[in-house]
Protein backbone atom coordinates (compact mmCIF):
# COMPACT_ATOMS: atom_id res chain seq x y z
CA UNK A 1 133.36 94.06 47.47
CA UNK A 2 132.02 91.69 44.96
CA UNK A 3 130.29 92.68 41.66
CA UNK A 4 126.52 93.14 42.04
CA UNK A 5 124.27 91.86 39.21
CA UNK A 6 120.81 94.06 39.47
CA UNK A 7 121.53 95.14 42.92
CA UNK A 8 122.17 91.57 44.62
CA UNK A 9 125.12 89.75 44.81
CA UNK A 10 126.15 86.17 43.07
CA UNK A 11 125.03 84.14 46.00
CA UNK A 12 121.44 84.95 45.37
CA UNK A 13 121.86 83.87 41.58
CA UNK A 14 123.39 80.51 42.87
CA UNK A 15 120.49 79.82 45.38
CA UNK A 16 118.09 80.50 42.50
CA UNK A 17 119.76 78.20 40.32
CA UNK A 18 119.96 75.51 43.00
CA UNK A 19 116.07 75.89 43.28
CA UNK A 20 115.28 75.98 39.73
CA UNK A 21 117.32 72.69 39.17
CA UNK A 22 115.52 71.21 42.24
CA UNK A 23 112.12 71.93 40.81
CA UNK A 24 113.05 70.65 37.47
CA UNK A 25 114.21 67.48 39.01
CA UNK A 26 111.34 67.04 41.16
CA UNK A 27 108.93 67.17 38.24
CA UNK A 28 111.10 64.74 36.46
CA UNK A 29 111.41 62.45 39.30
CA UNK A 30 107.92 62.56 40.31
CA UNK A 31 106.98 60.96 36.90
CA UNK A 32 109.31 58.14 37.17
CA UNK A 33 108.09 54.78 38.51
CA UNK A 34 109.56 52.53 41.27
CA UNK A 35 112.12 53.78 43.78
CA UNK A 36 113.24 56.59 41.76
CA UNK A 37 110.05 58.58 42.81
CA UNK A 38 111.45 58.67 46.23
CA UNK A 39 114.63 60.56 45.21
CA UNK A 40 112.57 63.96 44.89
CA UNK A 41 112.74 63.96 48.68
CA UNK A 42 116.31 63.51 48.84
CA UNK A 43 116.71 66.25 45.98
CA UNK A 44 114.75 68.71 48.23
CA UNK A 45 116.63 67.99 51.26
CA UNK A 46 119.89 68.36 49.50
CA UNK A 47 118.90 71.75 48.30
CA UNK A 48 117.47 72.90 51.50
CA UNK A 49 120.90 71.91 53.03
CA UNK A 50 123.01 73.79 50.41
CA UNK A 51 120.79 76.80 50.82
CA UNK A 52 121.14 76.93 54.50
CA UNK A 53 124.80 76.36 54.17
CA UNK A 54 125.00 79.65 51.78
CA UNK A 55 122.95 81.61 53.74
CA UNK A 56 124.44 80.89 57.15
CA UNK A 57 127.98 80.72 56.21
CA UNK A 58 128.69 83.54 53.71
CA UNK A 59 132.28 83.93 52.34
CA UNK A 60 132.32 87.83 52.78
CA UNK A 61 132.13 89.43 56.05
CA UNK A 62 129.01 91.43 57.06
CA UNK A 63 131.34 94.58 57.85
CA UNK A 64 132.47 96.41 54.88
CA UNK A 65 136.26 96.85 54.42
CA UNK A 66 137.91 100.17 55.38
CA UNK A 67 137.73 102.57 52.59
CA UNK A 68 140.65 103.97 51.09
CA UNK A 69 140.69 107.72 50.35
CA UNK A 70 140.05 108.19 46.70
CA UNK A 71 142.75 109.97 44.85
CA UNK A 72 141.74 112.11 41.49
CA UNK A 73 144.11 111.77 38.91
CA UNK A 74 143.55 114.15 35.80
CA UNK A 75 145.05 111.93 32.96
CA UNK A 76 143.58 114.11 30.11
CA UNK A 77 145.55 117.37 31.60
CA UNK A 78 147.80 117.88 28.49
CA UNK A 79 144.99 117.42 25.77
CA UNK A 80 142.54 119.54 27.91
CA UNK A 81 145.08 122.70 27.99
CA UNK A 82 145.83 121.89 24.17
CA UNK A 83 141.79 122.08 23.59
CA UNK A 84 141.46 125.31 25.64
CA UNK A 85 144.53 127.07 23.72
CA UNK A 86 142.71 125.93 20.32
CA UNK A 87 139.48 127.31 21.31
CA UNK A 88 141.01 130.51 22.70
CA UNK A 89 142.62 131.27 19.45
CA UNK A 90 139.43 130.34 17.42
CA UNK A 91 137.61 132.68 19.89
CA UNK A 92 140.00 135.58 19.55
CA UNK A 93 139.84 135.16 15.56
CA UNK A 94 136.27 135.12 15.60
CA UNK A 95 136.12 138.37 17.69
CA UNK A 96 138.61 140.03 15.27
CA UNK A 97 136.45 139.06 12.43
CA UNK A 98 133.36 140.50 14.26
CA UNK A 99 135.47 143.69 14.79
CA UNK A 100 136.54 144.04 11.03
CA UNK A 101 133.40 143.18 9.44
CA UNK A 102 130.53 144.52 11.66
CA UNK A 103 131.99 147.24 13.90
CA UNK A 104 134.28 148.89 11.45
CA UNK A 105 131.87 148.47 8.71
CA UNK A 106 131.75 151.89 6.72
CA UNK A 107 128.72 154.11 7.03
CA UNK A 108 128.26 156.10 3.78
CA UNK A 109 126.29 159.53 3.64
CA UNK A 110 122.82 159.25 1.93
CA UNK A 111 121.92 161.63 -0.70
CA UNK A 112 119.61 164.36 0.35
């Protein structure tokens, strides 16, 4: 599969460039004098033939290639387990500190 740009393949951009260049050459040649003015038709016909060749003889087949089974590989396996173990130690330490300072806080008797 070829890379797509804005959802279309590179062939669309090639055809667009061909027709932009054809338009520019046609504008320039229409202002020329003498026999150079008639080259406008030749430029148009050349662009038309090139476009038809690109449209009717594509390089890539219309049927997609058989898809390979995607194999998922976890490359951050060790780092993920180190992160989980550090977070577990921090969580257990936090629970211990909550136990000491909030649950086991002494309650003093009030004077009557």
